[in-house]
Amino acid sequence: MQLHKEIENELEMKITDLIKKMQELKVDSLQIGAHTLSPFSKPISEKVWLAAWGKMKIKVNYQLYFEALQNTKNNY
């Protein structure tokens, strides 16, 4: 369980750092802005989105589930 939690924490930290770096550089290579609009709203410009994107607070939360594998004679 401790290893499980350590992996989750490491992934959360690395992804949070990556997103913060993307915000500093004002890039949205994950295209998060494209997924923020509702079907009835007017699309916002890329310039407006990137300005807002740079100021957003981000929280990353990983929940990993591990499944034990069984070793059998015929299945390594």
PDB file of N, CA and C in Angstrom:
ATOM      1  N   MET A   1       0.823  -1.195   0.000  1.00  0.00           N
ATOM      2  CA  MET A   1       0.000   0.000   0.000  1.00  0.00           C
ATOM      3  C   MET A   1       0.867   1.259   0.000  1.00  0.00           C
ATOM      4  N   GLN A   2       1.997   1.199   0.672  1.00  0.00           N
ATOM      5  CA  GLN A   2       2.873   2.370   0.722  1.00  0.00           C
ATOM      6  C   GLN A   2       3.437   2.662  -0.678  1.00  0.00           C
ATOM      7  N   LEU A   3       3.846   1.627  -1.400  1.00  0.00           N
ATOM      8  CA  LEU A   3       4.350   1.809  -2.762  1.00  0.00           C
ATOM      9  C   LEU A   3       3.252   2.379  -3.656  1.00  0.00           C
ATOM     10  N   HIS A   4       2.056   1.868  -3.491  1.00  0.00           N
ATOM     11  CA  HIS A   4       0.900   2.341  -4.252  1.00  0.00           C
ATOM     12  C   HIS A   4       0.725   3.850  -4.045  1.00  0.00           C
ATOM     13  N   LYS A   5       0.747   4.321  -2.824  1.00  0.00           N
ATOM     14  CA  LYS A   5       0.574   5.735  -2.494  1.00  0.00           C
ATOM     15  C   LYS A   5       1.744   6.560  -3.011  1.00  0.00           C
ATOM     16  N   GLU A   6       2.943   6.028  -2.925  1.00  0.00           N
ATOM     17  CA  GLU A   6       4.118   6.740  -3.417  1.00  0.00           C
ATOM     18  C   GLU A   6       4.036   6.953  -4.928  1.00  0.00           C
ATOM     19  N   ILE A   7       3.566   5.959  -5.649  1.00  0.00           N
ATOM     20  CA  ILE A   7       3.407   6.081  -7.104  1.00  0.00           C
ATOM     21  C   ILE A   7       2.372   7.156  -7.427  1.00  0.00           C
ATOM     22  N   GLU A   8       1.237   7.131  -6.730  1.00  0.00           N
ATOM     23  CA  GLU A   8       0.203   8.150  -6.944  1.00  0.00           C
ATOM     24  C   GLU A   8       0.756   9.547  -6.671  1.00  0.00           C
ATOM     25  N   ASN A   9       1.462   9.713  -5.569  1.00  0.00           N
ATOM     26  CA  ASN A   9       2.022  11.020  -5.215  1.00  0.00           C
ATOM     27  C   ASN A   9       3.031  11.499  -6.248  1.00  0.00           C
ATOM     28  N   GLU A  10       3.871  10.602  -6.717  1.00  0.00           N
ATOM     29  CA  GLU A  10       4.875  10.960  -7.722  1.00  0.00           C
ATOM     30  C   GLU A  10       4.210  11.405  -9.019  1.00  0.00           C
ATOM     31  N   LEU A  11       3.202  10.669  -9.464  1.00  0.00           N
ATOM     32  CA  LEU A  11       2.483  11.040 -10.684  1.00  0.00           C
ATOM     33  C   LEU A  11       1.775  12.384 -10.524  1.00  0.00           C
ATOM     34  N   GLU A  12       1.140  12.593  -9.387  1.00  0.00           N
ATOM     35  CA  GLU A  12       0.459  13.866  -9.134  1.00  0.00           C
ATOM     36  C   GLU A  12       1.443  15.029  -9.193  1.00  0.00           C
ATOM     37  N   MET A  13       2.590  14.860  -8.566  1.00  0.00           N
ATOM     38  CA  MET A  13       3.594  15.917  -8.529  1.00  0.00           C
ATOM     39  C   MET A  13       4.145  16.205  -9.932  1.00  0.00           C
ATOM     40  N   LYS A  14       4.485  15.169 -10.674  1.00  0.00           N
ATOM     41  CA  LYS A  14       5.068  15.349 -12.006  1.00  0.00           C
ATOM     42  C   LYS A  14       4.070  16.002 -12.969  1.00  0.00           C
ATOM     43  N   ILE A  15       2.824  15.555 -12.962  1.00  0.00           N
ATOM     44  CA  ILE A  15       1.827  16.117 -13.865  1.00  0.00           C
ATOM     45  C   ILE A  15       1.497  17.553 -13.470  1.00  0.00           C
ATOM     46  N   THR A  16       1.414  17.841 -12.175  1.00  0.00           N
ATOM     47  CA  THR A  16       1.173  19.212 -11.722  1.00  0.00           C
ATOM     48  C   THR A  16       2.298  20.128 -12.184  1.00  0.00           C
ATOM     49  N   ASP A  17       3.535  19.689 -12.050  1.00  0.00           N
ATOM     50  CA  ASP A  17       4.680  20.486 -12.508  1.00  0.00           C
ATOM     51  C   ASP A  17       4.626  20.711 -14.016  1.00  0.00           C
ATOM     52  N   LEU A  18       4.256  19.676 -14.769  1.00  0.00           N
ATOM     53  CA  LEU A  18       4.147  19.795 -16.223  1.00  0.00           C
ATOM     54  C   LEU A  18       3.081  20.823 -16.605  1.00  0.00           C
ATOM     55  N   ILE A  19       1.928  20.761 -15.973  1.00  0.00           N
ATOM     56  CA  ILE A  19       0.848  21.697 -16.290  1.00  0.00           C
ATOM     57  C   ILE A  19       1.237  23.121 -15.909  1.00  0.00           C
ATOM     58  N   LYS A  20       1.892  23.290 -14.762  1.00  0.00           N
ATOM     59  CA  LYS A  20       2.334  24.630 -14.364  1.00  0.00           C
ATOM     60  C   LYS A  20       3.331  25.194 -15.368  1.00  0.00           C
ATOM     61  N   LYS A  21       4.225  24.366 -15.866  1.00  0.00           N
ATOM     62  CA  LYS A  21       5.195  24.809 -16.862  1.00  0.00           C
ATOM     63  C   LYS A  21       4.487  25.217 -18.150  1.00  0.00           C
ATOM     64  N   MET A  22       3.471  24.439 -18.547  1.00  0.00           N
ATOM     65  CA  MET A  22       2.700  24.776 -19.737  1.00  0.00           C
ATOM     66  C   MET A  22       1.982  26.118 -19.544  1.00  0.00           C
ATOM     67  N   GLN A  23       1.466  26.357 -18.341  1.00  0.00           N
ATOM     68  CA  GLN A  23       0.804  27.633 -18.056  1.00  0.00           C
ATOM     69  C   GLN A  23       1.796  28.793 -18.142  1.00  0.00           C
ATOM     70  N   GLU A  24       2.992  28.605 -17.596  1.00  0.00           N
ATOM     71  CA  GLU A  24       4.015  29.653 -17.642  1.00  0.00           C
ATOM     72  C   GLU A  24       4.383  29.995 -19.083  1.00  0.00           C
ATOM     73  N   LEU A  25       4.442  28.960 -19.929  1.00  0.00           N
ATOM     74  CA  LEU A  25       4.802  29.153 -21.336  1.00  0.00           C
ATOM     75  C   LEU A  25       3.613  29.577 -22.186  1.00  0.00           C
ATOM     76  N   LYS A  26       2.424  29.632 -21.579  1.00  0.00           N
ATOM     77  CA  LYS A  26       1.179  29.986 -22.265  1.00  0.00           C
ATOM     78  C   LYS A  26       0.917  29.076 -23.465  1.00  0.00           C
ATOM     79  N   VAL A  27       1.031  27.787 -23.219  1.00  0.00           N
ATOM     80  CA  VAL A  27       0.696  26.787 -24.240  1.00  0.00           C
ATOM     81  C   VAL A  27      -0.352  25.837 -23.667  1.00  0.00           C
ATOM     82  N   ASP A  28      -1.188  25.343 -24.547  1.00  0.00           N
ATOM     83  CA  ASP A  28      -2.230  24.399 -24.150  1.00  0.00           C
ATOM     84  C   ASP A  28      -2.173  23.209 -25.093  1.00  0.00           C
ATOM     85  N   SER A  29      -1.055  22.513 -25.067  1.00  0.00           N
ATOM     86  CA  SER A  29      -0.863  21.397 -25.986  1.00  0.00           C
ATOM     87  C   SER A  29      -1.800  20.227 -25.702  1.00  0.00           C
ATOM     88  N   LEU A  30      -2.389  20.192 -24.507  1.00  0.00           N
ATOM     89  CA  LEU A  30      -3.372  19.154 -24.187  1.00  0.00           C
ATOM     90  C   LEU A  30      -4.767  19.525 -24.689  1.00  0.00           C
ATOM     91  N   GLN A  31      -4.897  20.726 -25.232  1.00  0.00           N
ATOM     92  CA  GLN A  31      -6.167  21.230 -25.768  1.00  0.00           C
ATOM     93  C   GLN A  31      -7.272  21.229 -24.716  1.00  0.00           C
ATOM     94  N   ILE A  32      -6.930  21.613 -23.504  1.00  0.00           N
ATOM     95  CA  ILE A  32      -7.908  21.677 -22.426  1.00  0.00           C
ATOM     96  C   ILE A  32      -8.969  22.717 -22.745  1.00  0.00           C
ATOM     97  N   GLY A  33      -8.579  23.819 -23.347  1.00  0.00           N
ATOM     98  CA  GLY A  33      -9.511  24.883 -23.689  1.00  0.00           C
ATOM     99  C   GLY A  33     -10.602  24.432 -24.641  1.00  0.00           C
ATOM    100  N   ALA A  34     -10.303  23.482 -25.506  1.00  0.00           N
ATOM    101  CA  ALA A  34     -11.296  22.987 -26.463  1.00  0.00           C
ATOM    102  C   ALA A  34     -12.405  22.202 -25.771  1.00  0.00           C
ATOM    103  N   HIS A  35     -12.166  21.753 -24.552  1.00  0.00           N
ATOM    104  CA  HIS A  35     -13.140  20.933 -23.827  1.00  0.00           C
ATOM    105  C   HIS A  35     -13.894  21.716 -22.758  1.00  0.00           C
ATOM    106  N   THR A  36     -13.714  23.032 -22.719  1.00  0.00           N
ATOM    107  CA  THR A  36     -14.320  23.818 -21.652  1.00  0.00           C
ATOM    108  C   THR A  36     -15.611  24.508 -22.055  1.00  0.00           C
ATOM    109  N   LEU A  37     -15.954  24.465 -23.312  1.00  0.00           N
ATOM    110  CA  LEU A  37     -17.136  25.186 -23.783  1.00  0.00           C
ATOM    111  C   LEU A  37     -18.365  24.304 -23.769  1.00  0.00           C
ATOM    112  N   SER A  38     -19.502  24.922 -23.487  1.00  0.00           N
ATOM    113  CA  SER A  38     -20.760  24.180 -23.586  1.00  0.00           C
ATOM    114  C   SER A  38     -21.285  24.332 -25.012  1.00  0.00           C
ATOM    115  N   PRO A  39     -22.219  23.488 -25.422  1.00  0.00           N
ATOM    116  CA  PRO A  39     -22.696  23.530 -26.811  1.00  0.00           C
ATOM    117  C   PRO A  39     -23.398  24.833 -27.194  1.00  0.00           C
ATOM    118  N   PHE A  40     -23.854  25.605 -26.216  1.00  0.00           N
ATOM    119  CA  PHE A  40     -24.618  26.808 -26.522  1.00  0.00           C
ATOM    120  C   PHE A  40     -23.847  28.099 -26.318  1.00  0.00           C
ATOM    121  N   SER A  41     -22.605  28.008 -25.907  1.00  0.00           N
ATOM    122  CA  SER A  41     -21.830  29.217 -25.662  1.00  0.00           C
ATOM    123  C   SER A  41     -21.008  29.588 -26.895  1.00  0.00           C
ATOM    124  N   LYS A  42     -20.704  30.852 -26.974  1.00  0.00           N
ATOM    125  CA  LYS A  42     -19.883  31.353 -28.067  1.00  0.00           C
ATOM    126  C   LYS A  42     -18.427  30.960 -27.785  1.00  0.00           C
ATOM    127  N   PRO A  43     -17.723  30.429 -28.758  1.00  0.00           N
ATOM    128  CA  PRO A  43     -16.324  30.040 -28.521  1.00  0.00           C
ATOM    129  C   PRO A  43     -15.474  31.249 -28.122  1.00  0.00           C
ATOM    130  N   ILE A  44     -14.562  31.044 -27.179  1.00  0.00           N
ATOM    131  CA  ILE A  44     -13.664  32.127 -26.794  1.00  0.00           C
ATOM    132  C   ILE A  44     -12.428  32.057 -27.677  1.00  0.00           C
ATOM    133  N   SER A  45     -11.791  33.194 -27.848  1.00  0.00           N
ATOM    134  CA  SER A  45     -10.601  33.217 -28.690  1.00  0.00           C
ATOM    135  C   SER A  45      -9.443  32.539 -27.973  1.00  0.00           C
ATOM    136  N   GLU A  46      -8.482  32.120 -28.753  1.00  0.00           N
ATOM    137  CA  GLU A  46      -7.311  31.459 -28.177  1.00  0.00           C
ATOM    138  C   GLU A  46      -6.556  32.413 -27.246  1.00  0.00           C
ATOM    139  N   LYS A  47      -6.504  33.686 -27.621  1.00  0.00           N
ATOM    140  CA  LYS A  47      -5.808  34.683 -26.809  1.00  0.00           C
ATOM    141  C   LYS A  47      -6.471  34.828 -25.433  1.00  0.00           C
ATOM    142  N   VAL A  48      -7.795  34.903 -25.417  1.00  0.00           N
ATOM    143  CA  VAL A  48      -8.532  35.027 -24.158  1.00  0.00           C
ATOM    144  C   VAL A  48      -8.351  33.760 -23.322  1.00  0.00           C
ATOM    145  N   TRP A  49      -8.440  32.600 -23.966  1.00  0.00           N
ATOM    146  CA  TRP A  49      -8.283  31.334 -23.248  1.00  0.00           C
ATOM    147  C   TRP A  49      -6.896  31.236 -22.615  1.00  0.00           C
ATOM    148  N   LEU A  50      -5.849  31.537 -23.371  1.00  0.00           N
ATOM    149  CA  LEU A  50      -4.497  31.401 -22.847  1.00  0.00           C
ATOM    150  C   LEU A  50      -4.246  32.367 -21.693  1.00  0.00           C
ATOM    151  N   ALA A  51      -4.860  33.552 -21.745  1.00  0.00           N
ATOM    152  CA  ALA A  51      -4.721  34.495 -20.633  1.00  0.00           C
ATOM    153  C   ALA A  51      -5.360  33.920 -19.368  1.00  0.00           C
ATOM    154  N   ALA A  52      -6.534  33.325 -19.513  1.00  0.00           N
ATOM    155  CA  ALA A  52      -7.211  32.710 -18.361  1.00  0.00           C
ATOM    156  C   ALA A  52      -6.468  31.451 -17.914  1.00  0.00           C
ATOM    157  N   TRP A  53      -6.013  30.665 -18.870  1.00  0.00           N
ATOM    158  CA  TRP A  53      -5.312  29.406 -18.598  1.00  0.00           C
ATOM    159  C   TRP A  53      -4.086  29.628 -17.723  1.00  0.00           C
ATOM    160  N   GLY A  54      -3.364  30.701 -17.969  1.00  0.00           N
ATOM    161  CA  GLY A  54      -2.152  30.982 -17.204  1.00  0.00           C
ATOM    162  C   GLY A  54      -2.403  31.297 -15.737  1.00  0.00           C
ATOM    163  N   LYS A  55      -3.645  31.669 -15.393  1.00  0.00           N
ATOM    164  CA  LYS A  55      -3.970  32.055 -14.021  1.00  0.00           C
ATOM    165  C   LYS A  55      -4.736  30.982 -13.250  1.00  0.00           C
ATOM    166  N   MET A  56      -5.096  29.912 -13.913  1.00  0.00           N
ATOM    167  CA  MET A  56      -5.911  28.881 -13.259  1.00  0.00           C
ATOM    168  C   MET A  56      -5.102  28.074 -12.254  1.00  0.00           C
ATOM    169  N   LYS A  57      -5.764  27.717 -11.163  1.00  0.00           N
ATOM    170  CA  LYS A  57      -5.159  26.809 -10.187  1.00  0.00           C
ATOM    171  C   LYS A  57      -5.498  25.390 -10.618  1.00  0.00           C
ATOM    172  N   ILE A  58      -4.518  24.530 -10.546  1.00  0.00           N
ATOM    173  CA  ILE A  58      -4.672  23.147 -11.003  1.00  0.00           C
ATOM    174  C   ILE A  58      -4.457  22.203  -9.835  1.00  0.00           C
ATOM    175  N   LYS A  59      -5.320  21.210  -9.731  1.00  0.00           N
ATOM    176  CA  LYS A  59      -5.144  20.142  -8.745  1.00  0.00           C
ATOM    177  C   LYS A  59      -5.231  18.819  -9.485  1.00  0.00           C
ATOM    178  N   VAL A  60      -4.211  18.011  -9.359  1.00  0.00           N
ATOM    179  CA  VAL A  60      -4.153  16.708 -10.005  1.00  0.00           C
ATOM    180  C   VAL A  60      -4.328  15.648  -8.928  1.00  0.00           C
ATOM    181  N   ASN A  61      -5.185  14.689  -9.198  1.00  0.00           N
ATOM    182  CA  ASN A  61      -5.443  13.614  -8.245  1.00  0.00           C
ATOM    183  C   ASN A  61      -5.465  12.287  -8.996  1.00  0.00           C
ATOM    184  N   TYR A  62      -4.525  11.439  -8.687  1.00  0.00           N
ATOM    185  CA  TYR A  62      -4.465  10.107  -9.278  1.00  0.00           C
ATOM    186  C   TYR A  62      -5.077   9.098  -8.325  1.00  0.00           C
ATOM    187  N   GLN A  63      -5.799   8.159  -8.883  1.00  0.00           N
ATOM    188  CA  GLN A  63      -6.284   7.008  -8.130  1.00  0.00           C
ATOM    189  C   GLN A  63      -5.962   5.779  -8.961  1.00  0.00           C
ATOM    190  N   LEU A  64      -4.947   5.068  -8.529  1.00  0.00           N
ATOM    191  CA  LEU A  64      -4.504   3.891  -9.260  1.00  0.00           C
ATOM    192  C   LEU A  64      -5.086   2.635  -8.645  1.00  0.00           C
ATOM    193  N   TYR A  65      -5.370   1.698  -9.503  1.00  0.00           N
ATOM    194  CA  TYR A  65      -5.857   0.395  -9.061  1.00  0.00           C
ATOM    195  C   TYR A  65      -4.953  -0.671  -9.668  1.00  0.00           C
ATOM    196  N   PHE A  66      -4.396  -1.484  -8.805  1.00  0.00           N
ATOM    197  CA  PHE A  66      -3.509  -2.544  -9.250  1.00  0.00           C
ATOM    198  C   PHE A  66      -4.226  -3.879  -9.126  1.00  0.00           C
ATOM    199  N   GLU A  67      -3.990  -4.712 -10.099  1.00  0.00           N
ATOM    200  CA  GLU A  67      -4.583  -6.037 -10.087  1.00  0.00           C
ATOM    201  C   GLU A  67      -3.454  -7.057 -10.064  1.00  0.00           C
ATOM    202  N   ALA A  68      -3.539  -7.977  -9.160  1.00  0.00           N
ATOM    203  CA  ALA A  68      -2.499  -9.002  -9.046  1.00  0.00           C
ATOM    204  C   ALA A  68      -2.551  -9.934 -10.255  1.00  0.00           C
ATOM    205  N   LEU A  69      -1.380 -10.252 -10.758  1.00  0.00           N
ATOM    206  CA  LEU A  69      -1.281 -11.197 -11.865  1.00  0.00           C
ATOM    207  C   LEU A  69      -0.909 -12.563 -11.307  1.00  0.00           C
ATOM    208  N   GLN A  70      -1.449 -13.586 -11.906  1.00  0.00           N
ATOM    209  CA  GLN A  70      -1.132 -14.940 -11.454  1.00  0.00           C
ATOM    210  C   GLN A  70      -0.149 -15.560 -12.416  1.00  0.00           C
ATOM    211  N   ASN A  71       0.875 -16.135 -11.854  1.00  0.00           N
ATOM    212  CA  ASN A  71       1.823 -16.877 -12.669  1.00  0.00           C
ATOM    213  C   ASN A  71       1.399 -18.338 -12.708  1.00  0.00           C
ATOM    214  N   THR A  72       1.255 -18.843 -13.883  1.00  0.00           N
ATOM    215  CA  THR A  72       0.927 -20.257 -14.058  1.00  0.00           C
ATOM    216  C   THR A  72       1.997 -20.887 -14.926  1.00  0.00           C
ATOM    217  N   LYS A  73       1.952 -22.201 -15.058  1.00  0.00           N
ATOM    218  CA  LYS A  73       2.941 -22.886 -15.867  1.00  0.00           C
ATOM    219  C   LYS A  73       2.947 -22.407 -17.308  1.00  0.00           C
ATOM    220  N   ASN A  74       1.788 -22.200 -17.879  1.00  0.00           N
ATOM    221  CA  ASN A  74       1.692 -21.861 -19.292  1.00  0.00           C
ATOM    222  C   ASN A  74       1.576 -20.363 -19.543  1.00  0.00           C
ATOM    223  N   ASN A  75       1.455 -19.592 -18.521  1.00  0.00           N
ATOM    224  CA  ASN A  75       1.262 -18.149 -18.701  1.00  0.00           C
ATOM    225  C   ASN A  75       2.255 -17.399 -17.823  1.00  0.00           C
ATOM    226  N   TYR A  76       3.279 -16.861 -18.428  1.00  0.00           N
ATOM    227  CA  TYR A  76       4.313 -16.155 -17.680  1.00  0.00           C
ATOM    228  C   TYR A  76       3.930 -14.717 -17.596  1.00  0.00           C
TER     229      TYR A  76
END
